[in-house]
C-alpha atoms as a PDB file:
ATOM      1  CA  MET A   1     -13.806  14.188 -22.710  1.00  0.00           C
ATOM      2  CA  SER A   2     -10.037  13.624 -22.507  1.00  0.00           C
ATOM      3  CA  SER A   3      -8.591  10.743 -20.528  1.00  0.00           C
ATOM      4  CA  ASP A   4      -6.979  13.227 -18.098  1.00  0.00           C
ATOM      5  CA  ASN A   5     -10.389  14.775 -17.405  1.00  0.00           C
ATOM      6  CA  ALA A   6     -11.951  11.331 -17.006  1.00  0.00           C
ATOM      7  CA  LEU A   7      -9.216  10.296 -14.580  1.00  0.00           C
ATOM      8  CA  SER A   8      -9.580  13.534 -12.654  1.00  0.00           C
ATOM      9  CA  GLU A   9     -13.334  13.008 -12.334  1.00  0.00           C
ATOM     10  CA  PHE A  10     -12.791   9.393 -11.302  1.00  0.00           C
ATOM     11  CA  VAL A  11     -10.262  10.391  -8.638  1.00  0.00           C
ATOM     12  CA  ASP A  12     -12.600  13.144  -7.423  1.00  0.00           C
ATOM     13  CA  LEU A  13     -15.321  10.544  -6.939  1.00  0.00           C
ATOM     14  CA  LEU A  14     -12.974   8.316  -4.951  1.00  0.00           C
ATOM     15  CA  TYR A  15     -11.068  11.084  -3.128  1.00  0.00           C
ATOM     16  CA  GLY A  16     -12.842  10.434   0.169  1.00  0.00           C
ATOM     17  CA  GLU A  17     -11.989   6.770  -0.018  1.00  0.00           C
ATOM     18  CA  LEU A  18      -8.371   7.495  -0.932  1.00  0.00           C
ATOM     19  CA  HIS A  19      -8.148   9.921   1.991  1.00  0.00           C
ATOM     20  CA  ARG A  20      -9.555   7.273   4.358  1.00  0.00           C
ATOM     21  CA  ILE A  21      -6.992   4.738   3.140  1.00  0.00           C
ATOM     22  CA  ALA A  22      -4.114   7.231   3.400  1.00  0.00           C
ATOM     23  CA  SER A  23      -5.230   8.274   6.895  1.00  0.00           C
ATOM     24  CA  ALA A  24      -5.344   4.639   7.990  1.00  0.00           C
ATOM     25  CA  LYS A  25      -1.839   4.018   6.639  1.00  0.00           C
ATOM     26  CA  LEU A  26      -0.414   7.002   8.515  1.00  0.00           C
ATOM     27  CA  ARG A  27      -2.501   6.797  11.709  1.00  0.00           C
ATOM     28  CA  GLY A  28      -0.232   4.305  13.449  1.00  0.00           C
ATOM     29  CA  GLU A  29       2.888   6.309  12.871  1.00  0.00           C
ATOM     30  CA  ARG A  30       5.096   7.521  15.672  1.00  0.00           C
ATOM     31  CA  ALA A  31       5.315  11.187  16.456  1.00  0.00           C
ATOM     32  CA  GLY A  32       7.749  12.925  14.172  1.00  0.00           C
ATOM     33  CA  HIS A  33       6.694  11.589  10.813  1.00  0.00           C
ATOM     34  CA  THR A  34       5.932  14.364   8.373  1.00  0.00           C
ATOM     35  CA  LEU A  35       3.864  12.772   5.615  1.00  0.00           C
ATOM     36  CA  GLN A  36       0.195  13.755   5.860  1.00  0.00           C
ATOM     37  CA  PRO A  37      -2.750  11.956   4.208  1.00  0.00           C
ATOM     38  CA  THR A  38      -3.461  14.802   1.785  1.00  0.00           C
ATOM     39  CA  ALA A  39       0.191  14.942   0.699  1.00  0.00           C
ATOM     40  CA  LEU A  40       0.178  11.165   0.208  1.00  0.00           C
ATOM     41  CA  ILE A  41      -2.960  11.361  -1.944  1.00  0.00           C
ATOM     42  CA  ASN A  42      -1.457  14.200  -3.975  1.00  0.00           C
ATOM     43  CA  GLU A  43       1.680  12.135  -4.653  1.00  0.00           C
ATOM     44  CA  VAL A  44      -0.440   9.141  -5.642  1.00  0.00           C
ATOM     45  CA  TYR A  45      -2.484  11.307  -7.994  1.00  0.00           C
ATOM     46  CA  VAL A  46       0.626  12.766  -9.636  1.00  0.00           C
ATOM     47  CA  LYS A  47       2.014   9.274 -10.218  1.00  0.00           C
ATOM     48  CA  LEU A  48      -1.330   8.040 -11.548  1.00  0.00           C
ATOM     49  CA  VAL A  49      -1.533  10.755 -14.196  1.00  0.00           C
ATOM     50  CA  ALA A  50       2.150  11.382 -14.937  1.00  0.00           C
ATOM     51  CA  GLY A  51       3.376  10.510 -18.386  1.00  0.00           C
ATOM     52  CA  GLN A  52       0.889   7.906 -19.518  1.00  0.00           C
ATOM     53  CA  GLU A  53      -2.730   7.410 -20.332  1.00  0.00           C
ATOM     54  CA  ARG A  54      -4.548   5.264 -17.833  1.00  0.00           C
ATOM     55  CA  HIS A  55      -7.802   3.474 -18.380  1.00  0.00           C
ATOM     56  CA  PHE A  56      -9.606   2.002 -15.421  1.00  0.00           C
ATOM     57  CA  GLU A  57     -12.227  -0.629 -15.999  1.00  0.00           C
ATOM     58  CA  ASP A  58     -14.017   0.041 -12.732  1.00  0.00           C
ATOM     59  CA  ARG A  59     -13.590   1.134  -9.118  1.00  0.00           C
ATOM     60  CA  ALA A  60     -11.821  -2.117  -8.129  1.00  0.00           C
ATOM     61  CA  HIS A  61      -9.294  -1.764 -10.958  1.00  0.00           C
ATOM     62  CA  PHE A  62      -8.630   1.857  -9.978  1.00  0.00           C
ATOM     63  CA  LEU A  63      -8.074   0.853  -6.331  1.00  0.00           C
ATOM     64  CA  ALA A  64      -5.745  -1.962  -7.376  1.00  0.00           C
ATOM     65  CA  VAL A  65      -3.575   0.442  -9.365  1.00  0.00           C
ATOM     66  CA  ALA A  66      -3.789   3.083  -6.623  1.00  0.00           C
ATOM     67  CA  SER A  67      -2.657   0.430  -4.102  1.00  0.00           C
ATOM     68  CA  ARG A  68       0.519  -0.206  -6.040  1.00  0.00           C
ATOM     69  CA  VAL A  69       1.176   3.518  -6.482  1.00  0.00           C
ATOM     70  CA  MET A  70       0.536   4.198  -2.778  1.00  0.00           C
ATOM     71  CA  ARG A  71       3.056   1.487  -1.885  1.00  0.00           C
ATOM     72  CA  GLN A  72       5.616   3.073  -4.227  1.00  0.00           C
ATOM     73  CA  VAL A  73       5.093   6.526  -2.737  1.00  0.00           C
ATOM     74  CA  LEU A  74       5.330   5.258   0.856  1.00  0.00           C
ATOM     75  CA  VAL A  75       8.447   3.206   0.121  1.00  0.00           C
ATOM     76  CA  ASP A  76      10.107   6.157  -1.646  1.00  0.00           C
ATOM     77  CA  TYR A  77       9.265   8.346   1.343  1.00  0.00           C
ATOM     78  CA  ALA A  78      10.633   5.752   3.793  1.00  0.00           C
ATOM     79  CA  ARG A  79      13.838   5.415   1.774  1.00  0.00           C
ATOM     80  CA  ALA A  80      14.338   9.173   1.756  1.00  0.00           C
ATOM     81  CA  ARG A  81      13.794   9.301   5.520  1.00  0.00           C
ATOM     82  CA  ALA A  82      16.230   6.439   6.046  1.00  0.00           C
ATOM     83  CA  ALA A  83      18.833   8.297   3.997  1.00  0.00           C
ATOM     84  CA  HIS A  84      18.427  11.369   6.212  1.00  0.00           C
ATOM     85  CA  LYS A  85      18.180   9.399   9.447  1.00  0.00           C
ATOM     86  CA  ARG A  86      21.892   9.635  10.168  1.00  0.00           C
ATOM     87  CA  ALA A  87      21.755  13.414   9.869  1.00  0.00           C
ATOM     88  CA  SER A  88      18.795  13.790  12.215  1.00  0.00           C
ATOM     89  CA  ASP A  89      16.749  11.949  14.783  1.00  0.00           C
ATOM     90  CA  ALA A  90      14.084  10.902  12.260  1.00  0.00           C
ATOM     91  CA  VAL A  91      12.289   7.656  13.024  1.00  0.00           C
ATOM     92  CA  PRO A  92      11.546   5.089  10.329  1.00  0.00           C
ATOM     93  CA  LEU A  93       8.137   4.992   8.727  1.00  0.00           C
ATOM     94  CA  THR A  94       6.357   1.917  10.035  1.00  0.00           C
ATOM     95  CA  THR A  95       3.460   0.045   8.540  1.00  0.00           C
ATOM     96  CA  GLY A  96       0.852  -0.055  11.262  1.00  0.00           C
ATOM     97  CA  LEU A  97       1.434  -3.818  11.181  1.00  0.00           C
ATOM     98  CA  ALA A  98       3.156  -5.648  13.996  1.00  0.00           C
ATOM     99  CA  VAL A  99       4.955  -8.962  14.415  1.00  0.00           C
ATOM    100  CA  ALA A 100       5.949 -10.934  17.492  1.00  0.00           C
ATOM    101  CA  SER A 101       9.522 -10.255  18.485  1.00  0.00           C
ATOM    102  CA  ASN A 102      11.430 -11.271  21.646  1.00  0.00           C
ATOM    103  CA  GLY A 103       8.293 -11.872  23.664  1.00  0.00           C
ATOM    104  CA  GLY A 104       6.663  -8.621  22.555  1.00  0.00           C
ATOM    105  CA  VAL A 105       5.072  -7.084  19.515  1.00  0.00           C
ATOM    106  CA  GLU A 106       7.067  -4.715  17.341  1.00  0.00           C
ATOM    107  CA  PRO A 107       5.803  -2.428  14.563  1.00  0.00           C
ATOM    108  CA  VAL A 108       7.043  -3.399  11.110  1.00  0.00           C
ATOM    109  CA  ASP A 109       9.301  -0.968   9.308  1.00  0.00           C
ATOM    110  CA  LEU A 110       7.913  -0.160   5.860  1.00  0.00           C
ATOM    111  CA  LEU A 111      11.213  -0.891   4.136  1.00  0.00           C
ATOM    112  CA  HIS A 112      11.339  -4.355   5.758  1.00  0.00           C
ATOM    113  CA  LEU A 113       7.795  -5.013   4.610  1.00  0.00           C
ATOM    114  CA  ASN A 114       8.682  -3.873   1.098  1.00  0.00           C
ATOM    115  CA  ARG A 115      11.677  -6.235   0.962  1.00  0.00           C
ATOM    116  CA  ALA A 116       9.511  -9.097   2.213  1.00  0.00           C
ATOM    117  CA  LEU A 117       6.860  -8.290  -0.410  1.00  0.00           C
ATOM    118  CA  GLU A 118       9.522  -8.284  -3.120  1.00  0.00           C
ATOM    119  CA  GLN A 119      10.673 -11.738  -1.942  1.00  0.00           C
ATOM    120  CA  LEU A 120       7.087 -12.966  -1.863  1.00  0.00           C
ATOM    121  CA  ALA A 121       6.544 -11.615  -5.392  1.00  0.00           C
ATOM    122  CA  GLN A 122       9.497 -13.687  -6.595  1.00  0.00           C
ATOM    123  CA  GLU A 123       7.800 -16.807  -5.213  1.00  0.00           C
ATOM    124  CA  ASP A 124       4.214 -15.873  -6.043  1.00  0.00           C
ATOM    125  CA  ALA A 125       3.420 -12.487  -7.560  1.00  0.00           C
ATOM    126  CA  SER A 126      -0.330 -12.916  -7.099  1.00  0.00           C
ATOM    127  CA  LEU A 127       0.058 -13.340  -3.318  1.00  0.00           C
ATOM    128  CA  ALA A 128       2.179 -10.184  -3.111  1.00  0.00           C
ATOM    129  CA  GLN A 129      -0.448  -8.340  -5.150  1.00  0.00           C
ATOM    130  CA  LEU A 130      -3.172  -9.438  -2.710  1.00  0.00           C
ATOM    131  CA  ILE A 131      -1.213  -8.009   0.240  1.00  0.00           C
ATOM    132  CA  GLU A 132      -0.594  -4.818  -1.688  1.00  0.00           C
ATOM    133  CA  MET A 133      -4.273  -4.408  -2.529  1.00  0.00           C
ATOM    134  CA  ARG A 134      -5.416  -5.222   0.999  1.00  0.00           C
ATOM    135  CA  TYR A 135      -2.846  -3.268   2.984  1.00  0.00           C
ATOM    136  CA  PHE A 136      -1.893  -0.364   0.745  1.00  0.00           C
ATOM    137  CA  GLY A 137      -5.234  -0.025  -1.033  1.00  0.00           C
ATOM    138  CA  GLY A 138      -7.520  -0.939   1.843  1.00  0.00           C
ATOM    139  CA  MET A 139      -9.488  -3.152  -0.527  1.00  0.00           C
ATOM    140  CA  THR A 140     -11.972  -5.679   0.803  1.00  0.00           C
ATOM    141  CA  ALA A 141     -11.893  -9.323  -0.231  1.00  0.00           C
ATOM    142  CA  GLU A 142     -14.870  -8.651  -2.477  1.00  0.00           C
ATOM    143  CA  GLU A 143     -13.164  -5.711  -4.209  1.00  0.00           C
ATOM    144  CA  THR A 144      -9.961  -7.718  -4.584  1.00  0.00           C
ATOM    145  CA  ALA A 145     -11.892 -10.654  -6.051  1.00  0.00           C
ATOM    146  CA  GLN A 146     -13.515  -8.337  -8.563  1.00  0.00           C
ATOM    147  CA  ALA A 147     -10.177  -6.760  -9.514  1.00  0.00           C
ATOM    148  CA  THR A 148      -8.398 -10.112  -9.897  1.00  0.00           C
ATOM    149  CA  GLY A 149     -11.245 -12.095 -11.399  1.00  0.00           C
ATOM    150  CA  GLN A 150     -11.120 -14.680  -8.612  1.00  0.00           C
ATOM    151  CA  SER A 151     -13.759 -15.878  -6.208  1.00  0.00           C
ATOM    152  CA  VAL A 152     -13.965 -14.233  -2.795  1.00  0.00           C
ATOM    153  CA  HIS A 153     -13.248 -17.618  -1.203  1.00  0.00           C
ATOM    154  CA  VAL A 154      -9.993 -17.995  -3.162  1.00  0.00           C
ATOM    155  CA  VAL A 155      -8.963 -14.419  -2.358  1.00  0.00           C
ATOM    156  CA  ARG A 156      -9.537 -14.930   1.378  1.00  0.00           C
ATOM    157  CA  HIS A 157      -7.636 -18.225   1.356  1.00  0.00           C
ATOM    158  CA  ASP A 158      -4.714 -16.773  -0.594  1.00  0.00           C
ATOM    159  CA  LEU A 159      -4.659 -13.659   1.570  1.00  0.00           C
ATOM    160  CA  ARG A 160      -4.338 -15.803   4.718  1.00  0.00           C
ATOM    161  CA  LEU A 161      -1.532 -17.747   3.041  1.00  0.00           C
ATOM    162  CA  ALA A 162       0.262 -14.533   2.045  1.00  0.00           C
ATOM    163  CA  GLN A 163      -0.146 -13.026   5.518  1.00  0.00           C
ATOM    164  CA  ALA A 164       1.287 -16.170   7.130  1.00  0.00           C
ATOM    165  CA  TRP A 165       4.230 -16.077   4.719  1.00  0.00           C
ATOM    166  CA  LEU A 166       4.887 -12.428   5.579  1.00  0.00           C
ATOM    167  CA  ARG A 167       4.631 -13.019   9.337  1.00  0.00           C
ATOM    168  CA  ARG A 168       7.259 -15.770   9.096  1.00  0.00           C
ATOM    169  CA  SER A 169       9.495 -13.667   6.879  1.00  0.00           C
ATOM    170  CA  LEU A 170       9.240 -10.536   9.038  1.00  0.00           C
ATOM    171  CA  ALA A 171       9.787 -12.438  12.293  1.00  0.00           C
ATOM    172  CA  GLN A 172      13.201 -13.687  11.145  1.00  0.00           C
END
């Protein structure tokens, strides 16, 4: 069996889970966004198979890679929308996350989150990867621990640390 066929079968097995994750990422969006869960999954799939052979050790490894690819697709989409925003009344793609702002709670723009994650990665790449796997991949602490080779306790601790770092960064 070729690696493309193996990847296709693997993705088929996890399609429902990928669709659930994509739906969750897009559910909190304001009216007017145009990216649908199936289109997001299709873009992720194309990026997963485009141009290189991929070997996934297990489900957790696949989800970790898919998390990164989903982030890339969503950020590319948000950048394209931001570029067209001046020409139309398009609203920015948000994250479904919120931070305290001026006495209220504001949704976090995906591009702001991406910049914050890039800054976090410069300080500690493993913390940024945990956020990516949790938020973009919908991975549990157990799945993340398996993918990173860490204990669940360490993953949960580091995830709390990373989330606190992001909250401070995004609130500025």
